[in-house]
C-alpha atoms as a PDB file:
ATOM      1  CA  MET A   1     211.718 -65.357  96.723  1.00  0.00           C
ATOM      2  CA  ARG A   2     208.838 -65.657  99.040  1.00  0.00           C
ATOM      3  CA  ARG A   3     205.077 -65.436  98.618  1.00  0.00           C
ATOM      4  CA  LYS A   4     203.811 -61.957  98.978  1.00  0.00           C
ATOM      5  CA  VAL A   5     200.796 -61.053 101.224  1.00  0.00           C
ATOM      6  CA  HIS A   6     198.897 -57.891 100.286  1.00  0.00           C
ATOM      7  CA  GLY A   7     196.588 -58.114 102.650  1.00  0.00           C
ATOM      8  CA  GLU A   8     193.637 -60.130 104.855  1.00  0.00           C
ATOM      9  CA  ARG A   9     190.389 -60.001 106.478  1.00  0.00           C
ATOM     10  CA  THR A  10     188.835 -61.041 109.223  1.00  0.00           C
ATOM     11  CA  ALA A  11     186.238 -63.922 108.234  1.00  0.00           C
ATOM     12  CA  HIS A  12     185.123 -65.045 111.705  1.00  0.00           C
ATOM     13  CA  GLN A  13     186.191 -64.460 115.182  1.00  0.00           C
ATOM     14  CA  ASP A  14     185.139 -65.914 118.638  1.00  0.00           C
ATOM     15  CA  ALA A  15     185.882 -67.173 121.749  1.00  0.00           C
ATOM     16  CA  TRP A  16     187.563 -70.274 120.208  1.00  0.00           C
ATOM     17  CA  LEU A  17     189.007 -69.147 117.154  1.00  0.00           C
ATOM     18  CA  ASN A  18     189.924 -66.853 114.371  1.00  0.00           C
ATOM     19  CA  ALA A  19     189.652 -67.307 110.787  1.00  0.00           C
ATOM     20  CA  TRP A  20     190.721 -65.050 108.105  1.00  0.00           C
ATOM     21  CA  VAL A  21     191.363 -64.512 104.420  1.00  0.00           C
ATOM     22  CA  ALA A  22     194.567 -63.460 102.714  1.00  0.00           C
ATOM     23  CA  ASP A  23     195.523 -61.848  99.304  1.00  0.00           C
ATOM     24  CA  VAL A  24     198.390 -64.140  98.803  1.00  0.00           C
ATOM     25  CA  GLU A  25     200.801 -63.696  95.400  1.00  0.00           C
ATOM     26  CA  LEU A  26     203.664 -66.461  94.950  1.00  0.00           C
ATOM     27  CA  PRO A  27     207.073 -66.149  93.599  1.00  0.00           C
ATOM     28  CA  ASP A  28     205.793 -67.089  90.159  1.00  0.00           C
ATOM     29  CA  GLY A  29     202.573 -64.457  90.174  1.00  0.00           C
ATOM     30  CA  GLN A  30     200.062 -66.478  90.553  1.00  0.00           C
ATOM     31  CA  ARG A  31     197.729 -64.680  93.379  1.00  0.00           C
ATOM     32  CA  PHE A  32     195.031 -66.380  95.047  1.00  0.00           C
ATOM     33  CA  GLU A  33     192.912 -66.311  98.581  1.00  0.00           C
ATOM     34  CA  GLN A  34     194.505 -68.093 101.247  1.00  0.00           C
ATOM     35  CA  HIS A  35     192.049 -69.178 104.286  1.00  0.00           C
ATOM     36  CA  ALA A  36     193.212 -70.091 107.352  1.00  0.00           C
ATOM     37  CA  VAL A  37     192.057 -70.743 111.026  1.00  0.00           C
ATOM     38  CA  LYS A  38     193.746 -69.910 114.360  1.00  0.00           C
ATOM     39  CA  LEU A  39     192.426 -72.171 117.399  1.00  0.00           C
ATOM     40  CA  ARG A  40     192.668 -70.671 121.224  1.00  0.00           C
ATOM     41  CA  ARG A  41     193.519 -74.010 122.655  1.00  0.00           C
ATOM     42  CA  PRO A  42     194.527 -76.126 120.232  1.00  0.00           C
ATOM     43  CA  ALA A  43     194.513 -80.041 120.362  1.00  0.00           C
ATOM     44  CA  VAL A  44     196.129 -82.950 118.386  1.00  0.00           C
ATOM     45  CA  ALA A  45     194.297 -86.049 117.774  1.00  0.00           C
ATOM     46  CA  ALA A  46     194.863 -89.007 115.560  1.00  0.00           C
ATOM     47  CA  THR A  47     192.847 -91.710 113.832  1.00  0.00           C
ATOM     48  CA  VAL A  48     194.642 -94.984 114.188  1.00  0.00           C
ATOM     49  CA  ASP A  49     193.480 -98.355 112.703  1.00  0.00           C
ATOM     50  CA  ASP A  50     192.949-102.025 114.980  1.00  0.00           C
ATOM     51  CA  ARG A  51     196.831-102.106 114.717  1.00  0.00           C
ATOM     52  CA  ARG A  52     197.068 -98.986 116.387  1.00  0.00           C
ATOM     53  CA  GLU A  53     198.608 -97.210 113.553  1.00  0.00           C
ATOM     54  CA  ALA A  54     197.753 -94.071 112.496  1.00  0.00           C
ATOM     55  CA  VAL A  55     196.123 -93.317 109.432  1.00  0.00           C
ATOM     56  CA  GLY A  56     195.448 -89.776 110.087  1.00  0.00           C
ATOM     57  CA  SER A  57     195.912 -86.651 112.225  1.00  0.00           C
ATOM     58  CA  ALA A  58     195.114 -83.159 112.726  1.00  0.00           C
ATOM     59  CA  THR A  59     197.643 -80.756 114.640  1.00  0.00           C
ATOM     60  CA  PRO A  60     197.187 -77.740 116.282  1.00  0.00           C
ATOM     61  CA  ALA A  61     196.932 -74.467 113.705  1.00  0.00           C
ATOM     62  CA  GLY A  62     199.951 -73.224 112.710  1.00  0.00           C
ATOM     63  CA  ALA A  63     202.031 -76.020 113.797  1.00  0.00           C
ATOM     64  CA  GLY A  64     202.848 -77.571 109.978  1.00  0.00           C
ATOM     65  CA  ALA A  65     204.164 -73.656 109.046  1.00  0.00           C
ATOM     66  CA  ALA A  66     206.473 -73.621 112.199  1.00  0.00           C
ATOM     67  CA  ALA A  67     207.887 -76.884 111.195  1.00  0.00           C
ATOM     68  CA  ARG A  68     208.393 -75.854 107.854  1.00  0.00           C
ATOM     69  CA  ARG A  69     209.796 -72.816 109.222  1.00  0.00           C
ATOM     70  CA  ARG A  70     212.580 -74.345 111.582  1.00  0.00           C
ATOM     71  CA  ARG A  71     213.328 -76.830 108.148  1.00  0.00           C
ATOM     72  CA  ASN A  72     213.165 -74.685 105.488  1.00  0.00           C
ATOM     73  CA  GLY A  73     213.554 -71.292 107.302  1.00  0.00           C
ATOM     74  CA  PRO A  74     210.903 -68.188 106.940  1.00  0.00           C
ATOM     75  CA  ALA A  75     208.128 -68.394 104.185  1.00  0.00           C
END
């Protein structure tokens, strides 16, 4: 079963990003507000230690969701 979006509203919008809040209900009936951000020109960054091993990262908005859809199908 899929999550259900009852509605969404814009929280912030400018030339660089859009932020909105969605009213979401999970299949088990739990309902909450989900906050999301879309960047107009996304970037990727990684934090590395002295051995050049990644210790953290950031990906473009939506990249994680796109990867999950490829693995699991639509949300």
